[in-house]
């Protein structure tokens, strides 16, 4: 009985192996059939065709360019006030006192004249000091101020060429980056219809 059982397992094992081999062969056949259209579609050739026309295509573009613009301005410049010297005031007071003293006849009139001359001289000295100070504190100078501005203008830019070509007695069109001339090369793909 064990002998017949072993024979049965061997027979069935061989059948399973043959079934497995048949399935694998069928799968390979299906895979090769699926690959067939891609192998056929890979057939390509190139031909030279006549160019009927090639028209340039332009587009308006807004261009902005930076420019520097400068303007000269007259600007008031305040210089720091100088320390005023007391010398003009002192000198004018002494001179005014001396003149007032020389005008008087007697001792009391000479004193009054000296005081009045000193006051008058002090006033004149202050006016001279103020005038020289005010002319020194204000001054104008020319200053150049610059800024960057953007100037825009329109410019035509070449987009490409609209090309019409003849292939198998039919007109076809395509946009190309460059003018192809009188002839151009086209790729011809052969694909089967299923």
N, C-alpha and C. Protein backbone atom coordinates (compact mmCIF):
# COMPACT_ATOMS: atom_id res chain seq x y z
N UNK A 1 0.81 -1.17 0.00
CA UNK A 1 0.00 0.00 0.00
C UNK A 1 0.86 1.25 0.00
N UNK A 2 1.90 1.27 0.76
CA UNK A 2 2.81 2.42 0.75
C UNK A 2 3.46 2.58 -0.60
N UNK A 3 3.73 1.46 -1.24
CA UNK A 3 4.33 1.51 -2.55
C UNK A 3 3.37 2.16 -3.56
N UNK A 4 2.12 1.83 -3.55
CA UNK A 4 1.15 2.41 -4.48
C UNK A 4 0.89 3.88 -4.13
N UNK A 5 0.95 4.22 -2.85
CA UNK A 5 0.76 5.60 -2.41
C UNK A 5 1.91 6.47 -2.91
N UNK A 6 3.11 5.96 -2.85
CA UNK A 6 4.29 6.69 -3.33
C UNK A 6 4.18 6.90 -4.82
N UNK A 7 3.70 5.89 -5.55
CA UNK A 7 3.54 6.02 -6.99
C UNK A 7 2.51 7.09 -7.32
N UNK A 8 1.43 7.14 -6.53
CA UNK A 8 0.37 8.13 -6.75
C UNK A 8 0.88 9.55 -6.50
N UNK A 9 1.64 9.76 -5.47
CA UNK A 9 2.20 11.08 -5.16
C UNK A 9 3.16 11.49 -6.26
N UNK A 10 3.98 10.55 -6.73
CA UNK A 10 4.92 10.87 -7.79
C UNK A 10 4.20 11.25 -9.07
N UNK A 11 3.13 10.54 -9.39
CA UNK A 11 2.37 10.84 -10.61
C UNK A 11 1.72 12.21 -10.47
N UNK A 12 1.09 12.44 -9.33
CA UNK A 12 0.42 13.73 -9.13
C UNK A 12 1.43 14.86 -9.10
N UNK A 13 2.61 14.66 -8.51
CA UNK A 13 3.65 15.69 -8.48
C UNK A 13 4.10 16.06 -9.87
N UNK A 14 4.24 15.03 -10.71
CA UNK A 14 4.66 15.27 -12.09
C UNK A 14 3.57 16.02 -12.84
N UNK A 15 2.32 15.73 -12.55
CA UNK A 15 1.22 16.45 -13.20
C UNK A 15 1.22 17.91 -12.76
N UNK A 16 1.45 18.14 -11.48
CA UNK A 16 1.49 19.53 -10.97
C UNK A 16 2.61 20.33 -11.62
N UNK A 17 3.76 19.68 -11.79
CA UNK A 17 4.91 20.34 -12.42
C UNK A 17 4.58 20.65 -13.86
N UNK A 18 3.95 19.73 -14.58
CA UNK A 18 3.62 19.98 -15.98
C UNK A 18 2.56 21.09 -16.09
N UNK A 19 1.60 21.15 -15.13
CA UNK A 19 0.59 22.23 -15.14
C UNK A 19 1.29 23.57 -14.91
N UNK A 20 2.21 23.59 -13.96
CA UNK A 20 2.96 24.80 -13.65
C UNK A 20 3.75 25.28 -14.86
N UNK A 21 4.38 24.34 -15.57
CA UNK A 21 5.14 24.69 -16.77
C UNK A 21 4.22 25.25 -17.84
N UNK A 22 3.03 24.72 -17.99
CA UNK A 22 2.08 25.22 -18.99
C UNK A 22 1.63 26.64 -18.66
N UNK A 23 1.37 26.89 -17.37
CA UNK A 23 0.95 28.24 -16.94
C UNK A 23 2.06 29.23 -17.21
N UNK A 24 3.31 28.86 -16.94
CA UNK A 24 4.45 29.76 -17.16
C UNK A 24 4.61 30.07 -18.64
N UNK A 25 4.45 29.03 -19.50
CA UNK A 25 4.56 29.26 -20.94
C UNK A 25 3.46 30.19 -21.43
N UNK A 26 2.26 30.02 -20.89
CA UNK A 26 1.14 30.90 -21.28
C UNK A 26 1.38 32.34 -20.84
N UNK A 27 1.92 32.53 -19.65
CA UNK A 27 2.25 33.88 -19.16
C UNK A 27 3.29 34.55 -20.01
N UNK A 28 4.31 33.79 -20.42
CA UNK A 28 5.36 34.35 -21.28
C UNK A 28 4.79 34.76 -22.61
N UNK A 29 3.86 33.95 -23.12
CA UNK A 29 3.22 34.26 -24.40
C UNK A 29 2.41 35.55 -24.28
N UNK A 30 1.67 35.71 -23.18
CA UNK A 30 0.87 36.92 -22.97
C UNK A 30 1.78 38.15 -22.85
N UNK A 31 2.87 38.01 -22.10
CA UNK A 31 3.81 39.13 -21.95
C UNK A 31 4.43 39.51 -23.28
N UNK A 32 4.78 38.54 -24.10
CA UNK A 32 5.38 38.85 -25.40
C UNK A 32 4.35 39.52 -26.31
N UNK A 33 3.08 39.13 -26.21
CA UNK A 33 2.04 39.77 -27.02
C UNK A 33 1.79 41.21 -26.56
N UNK A 34 1.87 41.43 -25.26
CA UNK A 34 1.70 42.80 -24.75
C UNK A 34 2.86 43.69 -25.18
N UNK A 35 4.01 43.16 -25.26
CA UNK A 35 5.19 43.94 -25.66
C UNK A 35 5.23 44.20 -27.14
N UNK A 36 4.47 43.48 -27.93
CA UNK A 36 4.49 43.60 -29.38
C UNK A 36 4.11 45.00 -29.87
N UNK A 37 3.01 45.64 -29.39
CA UNK A 37 2.68 46.98 -29.90
C UNK A 37 3.77 48.01 -29.62
N UNK A 38 4.41 47.95 -28.46
CA UNK A 38 5.45 48.94 -28.16
C UNK A 38 6.65 48.73 -29.07
N UNK A 39 6.94 47.47 -29.42
CA UNK A 39 8.05 47.22 -30.33
C UNK A 39 7.72 47.76 -31.71
N UNK A 40 6.45 47.62 -32.11
CA UNK A 40 6.03 48.11 -33.42
C UNK A 40 6.02 49.63 -33.43
N UNK A 41 5.57 50.28 -32.33
CA UNK A 41 5.47 51.74 -32.30
C UNK A 41 6.83 52.40 -32.25
N UNK A 42 7.85 51.66 -31.94
CA UNK A 42 9.18 52.22 -31.86
C UNK A 42 9.79 52.44 -33.24
N UNK A 43 9.08 52.07 -34.31
CA UNK A 43 9.60 52.26 -35.66
C UNK A 43 9.41 53.71 -36.06
N UNK A 44 10.53 54.40 -36.25
CA UNK A 44 10.50 55.81 -36.62
C UNK A 44 11.43 56.04 -37.79
N UNK A 45 11.10 57.09 -38.55
CA UNK A 45 12.00 57.49 -39.63
C UNK A 45 11.94 59.02 -39.74
N UNK A 46 12.88 59.58 -40.45
CA UNK A 46 12.95 61.03 -40.63
C UNK A 46 12.91 61.35 -42.11
N UNK A 47 12.19 62.44 -42.45
CA UNK A 47 12.09 62.85 -43.85
C UNK A 47 12.27 64.36 -43.94
N UNK A 48 12.79 64.81 -45.06
CA UNK A 48 12.90 66.24 -45.34
C UNK A 48 11.62 66.67 -46.05
N UNK A 49 11.00 67.76 -45.59
CA UNK A 49 9.76 68.26 -46.18
C UNK A 49 9.96 69.71 -46.59
N UNK A 50 9.12 70.17 -47.51
CA UNK A 50 9.20 71.55 -47.99
C UNK A 50 8.47 72.49 -47.03
N UNK A 51 9.10 73.63 -46.73
CA UNK A 51 8.48 74.65 -45.89
C UNK A 51 7.71 75.60 -46.81
N UNK A 52 6.40 75.75 -46.55
CA UNK A 52 5.56 76.62 -47.36
C UNK A 52 5.74 78.07 -46.93
N UNK A 53 5.72 78.32 -45.59
CA UNK A 53 5.92 79.68 -45.08
C UNK A 53 6.43 79.62 -43.64
N UNK A 54 7.13 80.68 -43.27
CA UNK A 54 7.62 80.83 -41.90
C UNK A 54 7.45 82.30 -41.51
N UNK A 55 6.42 82.58 -40.70
CA UNK A 55 6.09 83.96 -40.32
C UNK A 55 6.59 84.24 -38.90
N UNK A 56 7.38 85.31 -38.71
CA UNK A 56 7.82 85.64 -37.35
C UNK A 56 6.65 86.11 -36.49
N UNK A 57 6.67 85.75 -35.22
CA UNK A 57 5.62 86.12 -34.27
C UNK A 57 6.26 86.99 -33.20
N UNK A 58 5.74 88.22 -33.03
CA UNK A 58 6.28 89.17 -32.06
C UNK A 58 5.28 89.41 -30.94
N UNK A 59 5.81 89.84 -29.80
CA UNK A 59 4.96 90.20 -28.66
C UNK A 59 5.51 91.50 -28.08
N UNK A 60 4.59 92.42 -27.74
CA UNK A 60 5.00 93.67 -27.09
C UNK A 60 5.32 93.40 -25.62
N UNK A 61 6.47 93.87 -25.19
CA UNK A 61 6.88 93.67 -23.79
C UNK A 61 7.16 95.03 -23.16
N UNK A 62 6.74 95.20 -21.91
CA UNK A 62 6.98 96.43 -21.16
C UNK A 62 8.33 96.29 -20.46
N UNK A 63 9.29 97.16 -20.82
CA UNK A 63 10.64 97.09 -20.26
C UNK A 63 10.84 98.30 -19.35
N UNK A 64 11.34 98.06 -18.14
CA UNK A 64 11.65 99.15 -17.21
C UNK A 64 13.15 99.16 -16.96
N UNK A 65 13.77 100.33 -17.21
CA UNK A 65 15.20 100.47 -16.99
C UNK A 65 15.44 101.52 -15.91
N UNK A 66 16.33 101.24 -14.96
CA UNK A 66 16.62 102.22 -13.91
C UNK A 66 17.53 103.33 -14.44
N UNK A 67 17.23 104.56 -14.03
CA UNK A 67 18.06 105.71 -14.39
C UNK A 67 18.23 106.59 -13.16
N UNK A 68 19.40 107.19 -13.05
CA UNK A 68 19.66 108.08 -11.93
C UNK A 68 19.42 109.52 -12.38
N UNK A 69 18.60 110.23 -11.63
CA UNK A 69 18.32 111.64 -11.93
C UNK A 69 18.80 112.48 -10.77
N UNK A 70 19.54 113.55 -11.12
CA UNK A 70 20.10 114.42 -10.09
C UNK A 70 19.62 115.85 -10.29
N UNK A 71 19.41 116.55 -9.18
CA UNK A 71 18.95 117.95 -9.19
C UNK A 71 19.84 118.73 -8.24
N UNK A 72 20.24 119.93 -8.68
CA UNK A 72 21.03 120.80 -7.80
C UNK A 72 20.09 121.76 -7.08
N UNK A 73 20.27 121.90 -5.76
CA UNK A 73 19.43 122.78 -4.95
C UNK A 73 20.31 123.74 -4.16
N UNK A 74 19.79 124.95 -3.97
CA UNK A 74 20.48 125.93 -3.12
C UNK A 74 19.92 125.78 -1.72
N UNK A 75 20.79 125.45 -0.77
CA UNK A 75 20.36 125.13 0.58
C UNK A 75 21.01 126.10 1.56
N UNK A 76 20.21 126.58 2.53
CA UNK A 76 20.70 127.46 3.58
C UNK A 76 21.45 126.63 4.61
N UNK A 77 22.68 127.03 4.89
CA UNK A 77 23.49 126.31 5.87
C UNK A 77 23.76 127.25 7.03
N UNK A 78 23.34 126.88 8.23
CA UNK A 78 23.61 127.67 9.43
C UNK A 78 24.91 127.21 10.04
N UNK A 79 25.86 128.13 10.09
CA UNK A 79 27.11 127.79 10.77
C UNK A 79 26.93 128.09 12.25
N UNK A 80 27.66 127.41 13.04
CA UNK A 80 27.56 127.65 14.49
C UNK A 80 28.01 129.08 14.79
N UNK A 81 27.28 129.74 15.67
CA UNK A 81 27.62 131.12 16.01
C UNK A 81 28.96 131.15 16.72
N UNK A 82 29.79 132.10 16.27
CA UNK A 82 31.09 132.23 16.90
C UNK A 82 30.91 132.89 18.25
N UNK A 83 31.83 132.61 19.12
CA UNK A 83 31.84 133.32 20.41
C UNK A 83 32.18 134.77 20.09
N UNK A 84 31.27 135.65 20.46
CA UNK A 84 31.52 137.06 20.14
C UNK A 84 32.57 137.62 21.10
N UNK A 85 33.45 138.37 20.51
CA UNK A 85 34.52 139.00 21.28
C UNK A 85 34.01 140.30 21.89
N UNK A 86 34.43 140.60 23.06
CA UNK A 86 34.03 141.85 23.72
C UNK A 86 34.92 143.02 23.34
N UNK A 87 35.93 142.78 22.54
CA UNK A 87 36.90 143.82 22.18
C UNK A 87 36.24 145.01 21.47
N UNK A 88 35.38 144.81 20.46
CA UNK A 88 34.78 145.99 19.81
C UNK A 88 33.95 146.83 20.79
N UNK A 89 33.29 146.19 21.71
CA UNK A 89 32.45 146.94 22.66
C UNK A 89 33.33 147.73 23.61
N UNK A 90 34.38 147.11 24.12
CA UNK A 90 35.27 147.80 25.07
C UNK A 90 35.98 148.97 24.41
N UNK A 91 36.49 148.72 23.19
CA UNK A 91 37.21 149.78 22.47
C UNK A 91 36.28 150.95 22.17
N UNK A 92 35.05 150.66 21.71
CA UNK A 92 34.12 151.75 21.40
C UNK A 92 33.69 152.50 22.66
N UNK A 93 33.57 151.83 23.79
CA UNK A 93 33.22 152.50 25.05
C UNK A 93 34.33 153.45 25.48
N UNK A 94 35.60 153.01 25.36
CA UNK A 94 36.73 153.86 25.75
C UNK A 94 36.82 155.08 24.83
N UNK A 95 36.68 154.82 23.53
CA UNK A 95 36.76 155.94 22.57
C UNK A 95 35.63 156.93 22.82
N UNK A 96 34.41 156.40 23.02
CA UNK A 96 33.26 157.28 23.28
C UNK A 96 33.46 158.09 24.56
N UNK A 97 34.00 157.46 25.59
CA UNK A 97 34.27 158.18 26.86
C UNK A 97 35.32 159.24 26.68
N UNK A 98 36.38 158.94 25.89
CA UNK A 98 37.44 159.92 25.67
C UNK A 98 36.92 161.12 24.89
N UNK A 99 36.08 160.85 23.88
CA UNK A 99 35.52 161.96 23.08
C UNK A 99 34.60 162.81 23.95
N UNK A 100 33.74 162.16 24.76
CA UNK A 100 32.84 162.91 25.65
C UNK A 100 33.61 163.72 26.67
N UNK A 101 34.73 163.21 27.15
CA UNK A 101 35.55 163.94 28.12
C UNK A 101 36.19 165.14 27.48
N UNK A 102 36.57 165.04 26.22
CA UNK A 102 37.22 166.14 25.52
C UNK A 102 36.25 167.25 25.20
N UNK A 103 34.97 166.97 25.11
CA UNK A 103 33.96 167.98 24.74
C UNK A 103 33.69 168.94 25.91
N UNK A 104 33.67 168.42 27.11
CA UNK A 104 33.29 169.24 28.27
C UNK A 104 34.34 170.29 28.62
N UNK A 105 33.85 171.43 29.34
CA UNK A 105 34.72 172.54 29.72
C UNK A 105 35.26 172.38 31.14
N UNK A 106 34.40 172.17 32.02
CA UNK A 106 34.82 172.04 33.41
C UNK A 106 34.77 170.58 33.82
N UNK A 107 35.10 170.41 35.10
CA UNK A 107 35.24 169.05 35.60
C UNK A 107 33.92 168.30 35.56
N UNK A 108 32.84 168.88 35.96
CA UNK A 108 31.56 168.17 36.00
C UNK A 108 31.04 167.92 34.60
N UNK A 109 31.19 168.84 33.68
CA UNK A 109 30.71 168.62 32.32
C UNK A 109 31.56 167.58 31.61
N UNK A 110 32.84 167.52 31.98
CA UNK A 110 33.71 166.49 31.41
C UNK A 110 33.27 165.11 31.87
N UNK A 111 32.85 165.02 33.14
CA UNK A 111 32.37 163.73 33.66
C UNK A 111 31.09 163.32 32.96
N UNK A 112 30.18 164.21 32.81
CA UNK A 112 28.91 163.92 32.14
C UNK A 112 29.17 163.54 30.69
N UNK A 113 30.04 164.29 30.01
CA UNK A 113 30.37 163.98 28.61
C UNK A 113 31.04 162.62 28.47
N UNK A 114 31.91 162.29 29.45
CA UNK A 114 32.60 161.00 29.40
C UNK A 114 31.60 159.85 29.57
N UNK A 115 30.62 160.02 30.50
CA UNK A 115 29.62 158.98 30.72
C UNK A 115 28.74 158.83 29.48
N UNK A 116 28.26 159.97 28.95
CA UNK A 116 27.43 159.91 27.75
C UNK A 116 28.20 159.32 26.56
N UNK A 117 29.46 159.69 26.40
CA UNK A 117 30.28 159.17 25.30
C UNK A 117 30.51 157.67 25.45
N UNK A 118 30.70 157.22 26.70
CA UNK A 118 30.91 155.79 26.94
C UNK A 118 29.65 155.00 26.61
N UNK A 119 28.47 155.53 27.01
CA UNK A 119 27.20 154.84 26.71
C UNK A 119 26.97 154.79 25.20
N UNK A 120 27.20 155.92 24.54
CA UNK A 120 27.03 155.97 23.09
C UNK A 120 28.04 155.04 22.40
N UNK A 121 29.28 155.03 22.82
CA UNK A 121 30.31 154.16 22.23
C UNK A 121 29.97 152.68 22.44
N UNK A 122 29.43 152.35 23.64
CA UNK A 122 29.02 150.97 23.94
C UNK A 122 27.92 150.53 22.97
N UNK A 123 26.97 151.40 22.72
CA UNK A 123 25.87 151.08 21.81
C UNK A 123 26.38 150.86 20.39
N UNK A 124 27.28 151.75 19.94
CA UNK A 124 27.86 151.60 18.60
C UNK A 124 28.65 150.30 18.51
N UNK A 125 29.43 149.95 19.53
CA UNK A 125 30.22 148.71 19.54
C UNK A 125 29.34 147.47 19.48
N UNK A 126 28.22 147.49 20.20
CA UNK A 126 27.28 146.35 20.16
C UNK A 126 26.67 146.18 18.76
N UNK A 127 26.31 147.31 18.13
CA UNK A 127 25.75 147.23 16.76
C UNK A 127 26.77 146.65 15.78
N UNK A 128 28.03 147.06 15.89
CA UNK A 128 29.07 146.53 15.00
C UNK A 128 29.26 145.03 15.22
N UNK A 129 29.28 144.60 16.49
CA UNK A 129 29.46 143.18 16.81
C UNK A 129 28.28 142.36 16.30
N UNK A 130 27.05 142.87 16.45
CA UNK A 130 25.86 142.15 15.98
C UNK A 130 25.85 142.02 14.46
N UNK A 131 26.25 143.09 13.79
CA UNK A 131 26.25 143.07 12.33
C UNK A 131 27.28 142.08 11.79
N UNK A 132 28.45 142.04 12.36
CA UNK A 132 29.46 141.09 11.88
C UNK A 132 29.07 139.66 12.22
N UNK A 133 28.37 139.49 13.34
CA UNK A 133 27.93 138.15 13.73
C UNK A 133 26.83 137.64 12.80
N UNK A 134 25.86 138.47 12.43
CA UNK A 134 24.74 138.01 11.59
C UNK A 134 25.20 137.71 10.17
N UNK A 135 26.20 138.40 9.66
CA UNK A 135 26.66 138.11 8.30
C UNK A 135 27.44 136.79 8.25
N UNK A 136 28.01 136.36 9.37
CA UNK A 136 28.77 135.12 9.39
C UNK A 136 27.90 133.88 9.60
N UNK A 137 26.70 133.98 10.16
CA UNK A 137 25.94 132.80 10.55
C UNK A 137 25.13 132.20 9.42
N UNK A 138 24.76 132.92 8.38
CA UNK A 138 23.96 132.38 7.28
C UNK A 138 24.79 132.28 6.02
N UNK A 139 24.69 131.11 5.43
CA UNK A 139 25.42 130.89 4.20
C UNK A 139 24.63 129.89 3.35
N UNK A 140 24.71 130.04 2.04
CA UNK A 140 24.04 129.12 1.11
C UNK A 140 25.09 128.30 0.38
N UNK A 141 24.73 127.05 0.08
CA UNK A 141 25.61 126.24 -0.75
C UNK A 141 24.75 125.38 -1.68
N UNK A 142 25.36 124.97 -2.79
CA UNK A 142 24.67 124.15 -3.79
C UNK A 142 24.87 122.68 -3.41
N UNK A 143 23.74 121.96 -3.29
CA UNK A 143 23.77 120.54 -2.92
C UNK A 143 23.13 119.75 -4.05
N UNK A 144 23.76 118.63 -4.44
CA UNK A 144 23.21 117.77 -5.49
C UNK A 144 22.48 116.60 -4.84
N UNK A 145 21.19 116.45 -5.18
CA UNK A 145 20.38 115.35 -4.66
C UNK A 145 20.04 114.42 -5.82
N UNK A 146 20.29 113.10 -5.62
CA UNK A 146 20.06 112.12 -6.69
C UNK A 146 19.08 111.06 -6.22
N UNK A 147 18.31 110.52 -7.18
CA UNK A 147 17.39 109.43 -6.89
C UNK A 147 17.31 108.53 -8.12
N UNK A 148 16.96 107.26 -7.88
CA UNK A 148 16.81 106.30 -8.98
C UNK A 148 15.34 106.23 -9.37
N UNK A 149 15.08 106.44 -10.65
CA UNK A 149 13.71 106.33 -11.18
C UNK A 149 13.71 105.26 -12.27
N UNK A 150 12.54 104.65 -12.48
CA UNK A 150 12.41 103.62 -13.51
C UNK A 150 11.64 104.19 -14.69
N UNK A 151 12.27 104.12 -15.85
CA UNK A 151 11.67 104.62 -17.09
C UNK A 151 11.21 103.40 -17.88
N UNK A 152 9.93 103.40 -18.28
CA UNK A 152 9.40 102.23 -19.00
C UNK A 152 9.18 102.58 -20.47
N UNK A 153 9.38 101.56 -21.30
CA UNK A 153 9.12 101.69 -22.73
C UNK A 153 8.70 100.31 -23.25
N UNK A 154 8.03 100.32 -24.39
CA UNK A 154 7.59 99.07 -24.99
C UNK A 154 8.60 98.62 -26.04
N UNK A 155 8.75 97.31 -26.11
CA UNK A 155 9.71 96.74 -27.05
C UNK A 155 9.11 95.47 -27.64
N UNK A 156 9.31 95.27 -28.95
CA UNK A 156 8.83 94.04 -29.60
C UNK A 156 9.86 92.95 -29.39
N UNK A 157 9.37 91.79 -28.94
CA UNK A 157 10.27 90.65 -28.74
C UNK A 157 9.80 89.49 -29.61
N UNK A 158 10.75 88.80 -30.23
CA UNK A 158 10.45 87.68 -31.12
C UNK A 158 10.11 86.45 -30.28
N UNK A 159 8.88 85.92 -30.47
CA UNK A 159 8.48 84.70 -29.76
C UNK A 159 8.90 83.45 -30.51
N UNK A 160 8.90 83.51 -31.82
CA UNK A 160 9.23 82.34 -32.64
C UNK A 160 8.69 82.53 -34.04
N UNK A 161 8.54 81.40 -34.76
CA UNK A 161 8.05 81.43 -36.13
C UNK A 161 6.90 80.44 -36.28
N UNK A 162 5.79 80.90 -36.88
CA UNK A 162 4.70 80.00 -37.23
C UNK A 162 5.03 79.43 -38.61
N UNK A 163 5.33 78.11 -38.63
CA UNK A 163 5.81 77.45 -39.84
C UNK A 163 4.71 76.55 -40.39
N UNK A 164 4.48 76.65 -41.70
CA UNK A 164 3.56 75.75 -42.41
C UNK A 164 4.41 74.92 -43.36
N UNK A 165 4.26 73.57 -43.28
CA UNK A 165 5.05 72.68 -44.14
C UNK A 165 4.13 71.67 -44.81
N UNK A 166 4.64 71.09 -45.89
CA UNK A 166 3.87 70.15 -46.71
C UNK A 166 4.43 68.74 -46.52
N UNK A 167 3.53 67.79 -46.14
CA UNK A 167 3.92 66.40 -45.97
C UNK A 167 2.79 65.53 -46.51
N UNK A 168 3.11 64.64 -47.46
CA UNK A 168 2.12 63.75 -48.10
C UNK A 168 0.92 64.54 -48.64
N UNK A 169 1.23 65.63 -49.34
CA UNK A 169 0.21 66.44 -49.98
C UNK A 169 -0.74 67.13 -48.98
N UNK A 170 -0.36 67.24 -47.71
CA UNK A 170 -1.18 67.92 -46.70
C UNK A 170 -0.34 69.00 -46.02
N UNK A 171 -1.02 70.08 -45.61
CA UNK A 171 -0.36 71.18 -44.90
C UNK A 171 -0.45 70.96 -43.40
N UNK A 172 0.66 71.15 -42.71
CA UNK A 172 0.73 71.06 -41.26
C UNK A 172 1.38 72.35 -40.75
N UNK A 173 1.09 72.71 -39.50
CA UNK A 173 1.70 73.92 -38.93
C UNK A 173 2.30 73.62 -37.56
N UNK A 174 3.32 74.38 -37.25
CA UNK A 174 4.02 74.23 -35.97
C UNK A 174 4.70 75.57 -35.65
N UNK A 175 4.86 75.86 -34.36
CA UNK A 175 5.62 77.06 -33.97
C UNK A 175 7.02 76.60 -33.59
N UNK A 176 8.02 77.27 -34.16
CA UNK A 176 9.42 76.92 -33.93
C UNK A 176 10.18 78.13 -33.40
N UNK A 177 11.28 77.85 -32.71
CA UNK A 177 12.09 78.93 -32.14
C UNK A 177 12.89 79.67 -33.21
N UNK A 178 13.26 78.97 -34.30
CA UNK A 178 14.07 79.58 -35.35
C UNK A 178 13.42 79.36 -36.72
N UNK A 179 13.80 80.20 -37.66
CA UNK A 179 13.32 80.05 -39.03
C UNK A 179 14.00 78.82 -39.65
N UNK A 180 13.22 77.82 -40.09
CA UNK A 180 13.85 76.58 -40.60
C UNK A 180 14.44 76.71 -41.99
N UNK A 181 14.09 77.73 -42.73
CA UNK A 181 14.57 77.86 -44.11
C UNK A 181 13.57 77.26 -45.07
N UNK A 182 14.04 76.75 -46.22
CA UNK A 182 13.13 76.23 -47.25
C UNK A 182 12.74 74.78 -47.01
N UNK A 183 13.52 74.05 -46.21
CA UNK A 183 13.20 72.65 -45.89
C UNK A 183 13.46 72.40 -44.42
N UNK A 184 12.78 71.37 -43.92
CA UNK A 184 13.02 70.98 -42.53
C UNK A 184 12.83 69.48 -42.37
N UNK A 185 13.42 68.94 -41.32
CA UNK A 185 13.34 67.50 -41.07
C UNK A 185 12.18 67.24 -40.12
N UNK A 186 11.37 66.20 -40.46
CA UNK A 186 10.26 65.79 -39.59
C UNK A 186 10.44 64.31 -39.25
N UNK A 187 9.95 63.96 -38.05
CA UNK A 187 10.00 62.55 -37.63
C UNK A 187 8.67 61.91 -37.98
N UNK A 188 8.73 60.71 -38.56
CA UNK A 188 7.54 59.96 -38.94
C UNK A 188 7.49 58.74 -38.06
N UNK A 189 6.40 58.59 -37.29
CA UNK A 189 6.19 57.43 -36.43
C UNK A 189 5.21 56.47 -37.10
N UNK A 190 5.51 55.18 -37.05
CA UNK A 190 4.61 54.17 -37.59
C UNK A 190 3.98 53.44 -36.41
N UNK A 191 2.65 53.51 -36.31
CA UNK A 191 1.94 52.84 -35.21
C UNK A 191 0.80 52.02 -35.80
N UNK A 192 0.72 50.78 -35.39
CA UNK A 192 -0.37 49.95 -35.93
C UNK A 192 -1.70 50.31 -35.26
N UNK A 193 -2.77 50.06 -35.97
CA UNK A 193 -4.13 50.29 -35.44
C UNK A 193 -4.68 48.94 -35.06
N UNK A 194 -5.16 48.80 -33.82
CA UNK A 194 -5.69 47.51 -33.34
C UNK A 194 -7.19 47.51 -33.35
